[in-house]
Protein backbone atom coordinates (compact mmCIF):
# COMPACT_ATOMS: atom_id res chain seq x y z
CA MET A 1 -59.92 31.80 40.76
CA VAL A 2 -57.51 32.80 37.98
CA GLU A 3 -56.16 36.34 38.08
CA TYR A 4 -55.50 38.23 34.87
CA VAL A 5 -53.19 41.03 33.78
CA ASN A 6 -53.64 43.52 30.97
CA ILE A 7 -51.17 43.56 28.13
CA PRO A 8 -51.32 46.63 25.92
CA ILE A 9 -51.59 45.88 22.22
CA PRO A 10 -51.90 48.58 19.57
CA LYS A 11 -55.55 48.95 18.57
CA PRO A 12 -54.90 48.61 14.83
CA LEU A 13 -53.07 45.32 15.40
CA TYR A 14 -55.81 44.01 17.69
CA GLY A 15 -58.43 45.02 15.14
CA ARG A 16 -56.63 43.22 12.33
CA LEU A 17 -56.40 40.09 14.42
CA ALA A 18 -60.06 40.27 15.45
CA ARG A 19 -61.12 40.59 11.79
CA CYS A 20 -58.92 37.64 10.75
CA LEU A 21 -60.43 35.45 13.47
CA GLU A 22 -64.06 36.04 12.44
CA GLY A 23 -65.61 32.68 11.73
CA SER A 24 -62.51 30.82 12.95
CA GLY A 25 -64.13 29.35 16.05
CA TYR A 26 -62.19 31.53 18.48
CA ARG A 27 -64.50 33.65 20.61
CA SER A 28 -62.11 36.61 20.72
CA ALA A 29 -58.66 37.86 19.81
CA THR A 30 -57.74 37.47 23.49
CA GLU A 31 -58.64 33.76 23.40
CA TYR A 32 -56.41 33.30 20.33
CA ILE A 33 -53.51 35.18 21.93
CA ILE A 34 -53.76 32.94 25.01
CA TYR A 35 -53.72 29.90 22.73
CA LEU A 36 -50.54 31.14 21.02
CA ILE A 37 -48.81 31.80 24.31
CA ARG A 38 -49.68 28.34 25.63
CA LYS A 39 -48.51 26.75 22.38
CA TYR A 40 -45.13 28.50 22.11
CA LEU A 41 -44.16 29.24 25.69
CA PRO A 42 -42.77 25.70 26.34
CA ASP A 43 -40.41 26.15 23.36
CA LEU A 44 -39.28 29.54 24.63
CA GLU A 45 -38.70 28.08 28.11
CA SER A 46 -36.67 25.22 26.70
CA ASN A 47 -32.96 24.92 27.30
CA ASP A 48 -32.60 23.55 23.75
CA VAL A 49 -31.16 26.49 21.79
CA GLU A 50 -32.37 25.25 18.40
CA ARG A 51 -35.91 24.78 19.76
CA ARG A 52 -35.87 28.31 21.22
CA LEU A 53 -34.61 29.86 17.96
CA LYS A 54 -37.39 28.11 16.01
CA ALA A 55 -39.98 29.38 18.49
CA LEU A 56 -38.65 32.89 18.04
CA GLY A 57 -38.88 32.61 14.25
CA TYR A 58 -35.12 32.62 13.55
CA MET A 59 -35.13 29.08 12.10
CA SER A 60 -37.66 27.03 10.20
């Protein structure tokens, strides 16, 4: 069984995200946030500085 933690997110930000995701195929904002973490976490964990900076949005 997977255990979960709660991460506080400002309600206005969560609401904006939920509205943007309507009709997108994601069941919830939480599902989308988990997708983003899984997508970008390997880059953030990388020892490659350029890859990390791109993941953090400092490079394109």
